[in-house]
N, C-alpha and C. Protein backbone atom coordinates (compact mmCIF):
# COMPACT_ATOMS: atom_id res chain seq x y z
N MET A 1 23.40 12.39 9.91
CA MET A 1 22.35 11.96 10.79
C MET A 1 21.12 12.88 10.67
N GLN A 2 21.36 14.16 10.49
CA GLN A 2 20.25 15.11 10.37
C GLN A 2 19.39 14.79 9.16
N ARG A 3 20.00 14.32 8.09
CA ARG A 3 19.25 13.96 6.89
C ARG A 3 18.26 12.84 7.20
N LEU A 4 18.68 11.86 7.98
CA LEU A 4 17.79 10.76 8.36
C LEU A 4 16.65 11.24 9.25
N ILE A 5 16.96 12.14 10.15
CA ILE A 5 15.92 12.69 11.02
C ILE A 5 14.90 13.47 10.20
N ASN A 6 15.38 14.29 9.28
CA ASN A 6 14.47 15.05 8.41
C ASN A 6 13.62 14.13 7.55
N ALA A 7 14.22 13.07 7.02
CA ALA A 7 13.48 12.12 6.21
C ALA A 7 12.39 11.44 7.03
N PHE A 8 12.71 11.11 8.28
CA PHE A 8 11.71 10.49 9.16
C PHE A 8 10.53 11.43 9.36
N PHE A 9 10.79 12.69 9.66
CA PHE A 9 9.69 13.64 9.89
C PHE A 9 8.90 13.91 8.61
N ASN A 10 9.56 13.90 7.47
CA ASN A 10 8.84 14.02 6.19
C ASN A 10 7.90 12.84 6.00
N SER A 11 8.38 11.66 6.35
CA SER A 11 7.57 10.44 6.21
C SER A 11 6.37 10.47 7.15
N VAL A 12 6.58 10.92 8.37
CA VAL A 12 5.48 11.03 9.33
C VAL A 12 4.44 12.02 8.82
N ARG A 13 4.90 13.15 8.27
CA ARG A 13 3.97 14.14 7.71
C ARG A 13 3.14 13.54 6.58
N ALA A 14 3.79 12.79 5.70
CA ALA A 14 3.06 12.15 4.59
C ALA A 14 2.07 11.13 5.12
N PHE A 15 2.50 10.31 6.10
CA PHE A 15 1.60 9.31 6.68
C PHE A 15 0.36 9.98 7.26
N ARG A 16 0.56 11.02 8.04
CA ARG A 16 -0.58 11.72 8.66
C ARG A 16 -1.52 12.28 7.60
N ARG A 17 -0.96 12.87 6.58
CA ARG A 17 -1.80 13.46 5.53
C ARG A 17 -2.59 12.39 4.79
N LEU A 18 -1.94 11.30 4.42
CA LEU A 18 -2.63 10.21 3.72
C LEU A 18 -3.68 9.56 4.62
N ALA A 19 -3.33 9.35 5.88
CA ALA A 19 -4.28 8.72 6.81
C ALA A 19 -5.49 9.60 7.05
N ALA A 20 -5.32 10.90 6.94
CA ALA A 20 -6.42 11.82 7.19
C ALA A 20 -7.30 12.05 5.97
N SER A 21 -6.74 11.87 4.76
CA SER A 21 -7.50 12.32 3.59
C SER A 21 -7.67 11.31 2.46
N GLU A 22 -6.88 10.27 2.41
CA GLU A 22 -6.94 9.34 1.28
C GLU A 22 -7.71 8.07 1.65
N LYS A 23 -8.88 7.89 1.04
CA LYS A 23 -9.74 6.75 1.37
C LYS A 23 -9.05 5.41 1.12
N ALA A 24 -8.39 5.27 -0.02
CA ALA A 24 -7.74 4.00 -0.33
C ALA A 24 -6.67 3.67 0.72
N PHE A 25 -5.89 4.66 1.10
CA PHE A 25 -4.86 4.46 2.12
C PHE A 25 -5.49 4.08 3.45
N GLN A 26 -6.58 4.75 3.82
CA GLN A 26 -7.28 4.43 5.06
C GLN A 26 -7.80 3.00 5.05
N GLN A 27 -8.36 2.59 3.93
CA GLN A 27 -8.89 1.22 3.83
C GLN A 27 -7.77 0.20 3.93
N GLU A 28 -6.66 0.46 3.28
CA GLU A 28 -5.54 -0.47 3.32
C GLU A 28 -4.92 -0.53 4.72
N LEU A 29 -4.86 0.59 5.41
CA LEU A 29 -4.39 0.57 6.80
C LEU A 29 -5.32 -0.25 7.68
N PHE A 30 -6.62 -0.10 7.47
CA PHE A 30 -7.60 -0.88 8.23
C PHE A 30 -7.40 -2.38 7.98
N VAL A 31 -7.21 -2.75 6.72
CA VAL A 31 -6.98 -4.16 6.38
C VAL A 31 -5.69 -4.65 7.04
N LEU A 32 -4.66 -3.84 7.04
CA LEU A 32 -3.39 -4.22 7.67
C LEU A 32 -3.59 -4.46 9.17
N ILE A 33 -4.25 -3.54 9.84
CA ILE A 33 -4.47 -3.67 11.28
C ILE A 33 -5.31 -4.91 11.58
N LEU A 34 -6.35 -5.13 10.79
CA LEU A 34 -7.20 -6.31 10.97
C LEU A 34 -6.42 -7.60 10.68
N SER A 35 -5.49 -7.53 9.75
CA SER A 35 -4.75 -8.71 9.33
C SER A 35 -3.66 -9.14 10.31
N LEU A 36 -3.23 -8.26 11.17
CA LEU A 36 -2.16 -8.63 12.11
C LEU A 36 -2.57 -9.80 13.00
N PRO A 37 -3.70 -9.73 13.69
CA PRO A 37 -4.07 -10.90 14.50
C PRO A 37 -4.49 -12.11 13.66
N ILE A 38 -5.15 -11.86 12.53
CA ILE A 38 -5.56 -12.97 11.66
C ILE A 38 -4.33 -13.67 11.10
N GLY A 39 -3.37 -12.90 10.66
CA GLY A 39 -2.13 -13.47 10.14
C GLY A 39 -1.39 -14.27 11.18
N TRP A 40 -1.43 -13.82 12.43
CA TRP A 40 -0.78 -14.54 13.53
C TRP A 40 -1.37 -15.94 13.69
N VAL A 41 -2.70 -16.03 13.53
CA VAL A 41 -3.38 -17.32 13.66
C VAL A 41 -3.15 -18.19 12.43
N VAL A 42 -3.21 -17.60 11.26
CA VAL A 42 -3.13 -18.34 10.00
C VAL A 42 -1.72 -18.81 9.69
N ALA A 43 -0.73 -17.99 10.01
CA ALA A 43 0.66 -18.29 9.64
C ALA A 43 1.17 -19.52 10.38
N ARG A 44 1.89 -20.35 9.65
CA ARG A 44 2.47 -21.56 10.24
C ARG A 44 3.88 -21.33 10.76
N SER A 45 4.46 -20.19 10.40
CA SER A 45 5.81 -19.88 10.85
C SER A 45 5.98 -18.36 10.84
N TRP A 46 7.10 -17.93 11.43
CA TRP A 46 7.41 -16.50 11.41
C TRP A 46 7.59 -16.00 9.99
N SER A 47 8.20 -16.82 9.14
CA SER A 47 8.43 -16.37 7.77
C SER A 47 7.12 -16.25 6.99
N SER A 48 6.17 -17.13 7.24
CA SER A 48 4.90 -16.99 6.53
C SER A 48 4.11 -15.79 7.07
N PHE A 49 4.24 -15.51 8.37
CA PHE A 49 3.61 -14.31 8.92
C PHE A 49 4.22 -13.06 8.28
N ALA A 50 5.54 -13.06 8.16
CA ALA A 50 6.22 -11.93 7.53
C ALA A 50 5.78 -11.76 6.08
N LEU A 51 5.58 -12.86 5.38
CA LEU A 51 5.12 -12.80 3.99
C LEU A 51 3.71 -12.23 3.91
N LEU A 52 2.83 -12.67 4.79
CA LEU A 52 1.45 -12.17 4.79
C LEU A 52 1.41 -10.66 5.04
N ILE A 53 2.11 -10.23 6.07
CA ILE A 53 2.11 -8.81 6.41
C ILE A 53 2.92 -8.02 5.39
N GLY A 54 4.01 -8.59 4.92
CA GLY A 54 4.83 -7.91 3.91
C GLY A 54 4.07 -7.66 2.62
N ALA A 55 3.21 -8.60 2.22
CA ALA A 55 2.42 -8.41 1.01
C ALA A 55 1.48 -7.22 1.17
N LEU A 56 0.93 -7.05 2.36
CA LEU A 56 0.04 -5.90 2.60
C LEU A 56 0.83 -4.60 2.69
N LEU A 57 2.01 -4.66 3.30
CA LEU A 57 2.85 -3.46 3.35
C LEU A 57 3.31 -3.05 1.95
N ALA A 58 3.58 -4.03 1.10
CA ALA A 58 3.95 -3.72 -0.28
C ALA A 58 2.78 -3.05 -1.00
N LEU A 59 1.57 -3.53 -0.77
CA LEU A 59 0.39 -2.90 -1.36
C LEU A 59 0.27 -1.45 -0.89
N ILE A 60 0.46 -1.22 0.40
CA ILE A 60 0.39 0.15 0.93
C ILE A 60 1.48 1.02 0.32
N MET A 61 2.67 0.45 0.16
CA MET A 61 3.77 1.20 -0.44
C MET A 61 3.43 1.63 -1.87
N VAL A 62 2.86 0.72 -2.64
CA VAL A 62 2.48 1.05 -4.02
C VAL A 62 1.38 2.11 -4.01
N GLU A 63 0.45 2.01 -3.08
CA GLU A 63 -0.62 3.02 -2.95
C GLU A 63 -0.03 4.40 -2.66
N VAL A 64 0.96 4.45 -1.78
CA VAL A 64 1.62 5.71 -1.45
C VAL A 64 2.28 6.30 -2.70
N LEU A 65 2.98 5.48 -3.46
CA LEU A 65 3.62 5.95 -4.69
C LEU A 65 2.57 6.42 -5.70
N ASN A 66 1.47 5.69 -5.82
CA ASN A 66 0.40 6.08 -6.73
C ASN A 66 -0.18 7.44 -6.32
N THR A 67 -0.38 7.65 -5.04
CA THR A 67 -0.90 8.92 -4.56
C THR A 67 0.08 10.05 -4.88
N GLY A 68 1.36 9.77 -4.74
CA GLY A 68 2.38 10.77 -5.09
C GLY A 68 2.35 11.12 -6.56
N ILE A 69 2.20 10.11 -7.41
CA ILE A 69 2.10 10.34 -8.85
C ILE A 69 0.88 11.20 -9.16
N GLU A 70 -0.25 10.87 -8.55
CA GLU A 70 -1.47 11.64 -8.78
C GLU A 70 -1.31 13.08 -8.31
N ALA A 71 -0.66 13.29 -7.17
CA ALA A 71 -0.46 14.64 -6.65
C ALA A 71 0.40 15.47 -7.60
N VAL A 72 1.46 14.87 -8.12
CA VAL A 72 2.32 15.59 -9.07
C VAL A 72 1.54 15.92 -10.34
N CYS A 73 0.81 14.95 -10.84
CA CYS A 73 0.02 15.19 -12.07
C CYS A 73 -0.99 16.31 -11.87
N ASP A 74 -1.66 16.30 -10.74
CA ASP A 74 -2.66 17.34 -10.47
C ASP A 74 -2.00 18.70 -10.28
N ALA A 75 -0.77 18.72 -9.77
CA ALA A 75 -0.06 19.98 -9.60
C ALA A 75 0.41 20.56 -10.93
N VAL A 76 0.70 19.67 -11.89
CA VAL A 76 1.19 20.13 -13.19
C VAL A 76 0.09 20.86 -13.95
N THR A 77 -1.09 20.23 -14.03
CA THR A 77 -2.21 20.87 -14.73
C THR A 77 -3.51 20.17 -14.35
N PRO A 78 -4.56 20.97 -14.16
CA PRO A 78 -5.86 20.37 -13.90
C PRO A 78 -6.58 19.94 -15.18
N GLU A 79 -6.03 20.34 -16.32
CA GLU A 79 -6.65 20.04 -17.61
C GLU A 79 -6.32 18.61 -18.04
N PHE A 80 -7.19 18.07 -18.90
CA PHE A 80 -6.96 16.72 -19.41
C PHE A 80 -5.72 16.68 -20.29
N ASN A 81 -4.91 15.65 -20.08
CA ASN A 81 -3.72 15.43 -20.89
C ASN A 81 -3.53 13.93 -21.00
N LYS A 82 -3.32 13.44 -22.22
CA LYS A 82 -3.18 11.99 -22.43
C LYS A 82 -2.03 11.39 -21.64
N ASN A 83 -0.92 12.09 -21.58
CA ASN A 83 0.24 11.58 -20.84
C ASN A 83 -0.02 11.52 -19.34
N ILE A 84 -0.71 12.53 -18.83
CA ILE A 84 -1.05 12.52 -17.41
C ILE A 84 -2.05 11.41 -17.12
N GLN A 85 -2.99 11.22 -18.02
CA GLN A 85 -3.94 10.12 -17.85
C GLN A 85 -3.20 8.79 -17.82
N LEU A 86 -2.22 8.61 -18.70
CA LEU A 86 -1.44 7.38 -18.72
C LEU A 86 -0.67 7.20 -17.41
N ALA A 87 -0.06 8.27 -16.91
CA ALA A 87 0.68 8.18 -15.65
C ALA A 87 -0.24 7.76 -14.51
N LYS A 88 -1.41 8.37 -14.43
CA LYS A 88 -2.36 8.01 -13.38
C LYS A 88 -2.88 6.58 -13.56
N ASP A 89 -3.16 6.19 -14.80
CA ASP A 89 -3.64 4.83 -15.06
C ASP A 89 -2.57 3.79 -14.73
N CYS A 90 -1.31 4.11 -15.01
CA CYS A 90 -0.22 3.19 -14.69
C CYS A 90 -0.08 3.04 -13.17
N GLY A 91 -0.22 4.14 -12.45
CA GLY A 91 -0.18 4.06 -10.99
C GLY A 91 -1.31 3.20 -10.46
N SER A 92 -2.48 3.36 -11.04
CA SER A 92 -3.63 2.56 -10.64
C SER A 92 -3.41 1.08 -10.96
N LEU A 93 -2.83 0.80 -12.10
CA LEU A 93 -2.52 -0.58 -12.47
C LEU A 93 -1.52 -1.19 -11.49
N ALA A 94 -0.53 -0.41 -11.09
CA ALA A 94 0.45 -0.91 -10.12
C ALA A 94 -0.23 -1.28 -8.80
N VAL A 95 -1.20 -0.48 -8.37
CA VAL A 95 -1.94 -0.80 -7.15
C VAL A 95 -2.73 -2.08 -7.34
N LEU A 96 -3.37 -2.23 -8.50
CA LEU A 96 -4.14 -3.44 -8.78
C LEU A 96 -3.24 -4.68 -8.74
N ILE A 97 -2.08 -4.60 -9.35
CA ILE A 97 -1.15 -5.74 -9.37
C ILE A 97 -0.72 -6.07 -7.94
N ALA A 98 -0.38 -5.06 -7.15
CA ALA A 98 0.02 -5.29 -5.77
C ALA A 98 -1.12 -5.91 -4.96
N ALA A 99 -2.35 -5.46 -5.22
CA ALA A 99 -3.51 -6.02 -4.51
C ALA A 99 -3.72 -7.48 -4.89
N LEU A 100 -3.54 -7.81 -6.16
CA LEU A 100 -3.68 -9.20 -6.60
C LEU A 100 -2.62 -10.09 -5.99
N ILE A 101 -1.40 -9.59 -5.90
CA ILE A 101 -0.32 -10.36 -5.26
C ILE A 101 -0.64 -10.58 -3.79
N ALA A 102 -1.05 -9.53 -3.09
CA ALA A 102 -1.39 -9.66 -1.67
C ALA A 102 -2.54 -10.63 -1.48
N ALA A 103 -3.57 -10.51 -2.32
CA ALA A 103 -4.72 -11.42 -2.21
C ALA A 103 -4.28 -12.86 -2.47
N GLY A 104 -3.42 -13.06 -3.46
CA GLY A 104 -2.93 -14.42 -3.75
C GLY A 104 -2.16 -15.01 -2.59
N VAL A 105 -1.30 -14.22 -1.96
CA VAL A 105 -0.54 -14.70 -0.81
C VAL A 105 -1.49 -15.10 0.32
N TRP A 106 -2.49 -14.28 0.57
CA TRP A 106 -3.44 -14.57 1.64
C TRP A 106 -4.32 -15.76 1.32
N VAL A 107 -4.74 -15.90 0.07
CA VAL A 107 -5.58 -17.06 -0.31
C VAL A 107 -4.80 -18.36 -0.12
N VAL A 108 -3.55 -18.38 -0.54
CA VAL A 108 -2.74 -19.58 -0.37
C VAL A 108 -2.56 -19.90 1.12
N ALA A 109 -2.26 -18.88 1.92
CA ALA A 109 -2.06 -19.10 3.35
C ALA A 109 -3.35 -19.59 4.02
N LEU A 110 -4.47 -19.00 3.65
CA LEU A 110 -5.74 -19.43 4.23
C LEU A 110 -6.09 -20.85 3.80
N ALA A 111 -5.80 -21.18 2.54
CA ALA A 111 -6.07 -22.54 2.06
C ALA A 111 -5.21 -23.56 2.81
N GLU A 112 -3.94 -23.26 3.01
CA GLU A 112 -3.07 -24.16 3.77
C GLU A 112 -3.54 -24.30 5.21
N TRP A 113 -4.02 -23.22 5.80
CA TRP A 113 -4.47 -23.24 7.18
C TRP A 113 -5.74 -24.09 7.32
N LEU A 114 -6.64 -23.99 6.31
CA LEU A 114 -7.89 -24.73 6.37
C LEU A 114 -7.72 -26.22 6.10
N ILE A 115 -6.70 -26.56 5.30
CA ILE A 115 -6.54 -27.97 4.88
C ILE A 115 -5.72 -28.76 5.87
C-alpha cells in the first residue's frame, strides 16, 4: 500500500511542476477544462462523452511522456546529439499524432451534434 501512496505523491509532484512550468501542458489542461462543459452538451451519450474527454486525456498523457523524454535527454547532455534529437523529435511526433486523434474525435462529435 505504501508503494501506491508514494506513487500518488510522485504523480502530484509531477503534475504541479508541469502545470507551473510547461506551456504545452498548461494549454492542454486549459483545453481539457474548457472541453468538459462543451463535451457535456455535444455528447449524445455517456460513452461519447467519455470518448471526447478520454481523447484529450490521452493527448495530455502523451505530452507528459514527451516532457519526460525531453527532461532525460537534457539531463544526459546539453550538447547536440543526433540520437537525442531523434528521441525528442519522436516524442514531438507522438504528441502530434495524439493531437490529431483528439481533434478527429471532436470534429466527428461536433459534426454529429450539428447535423
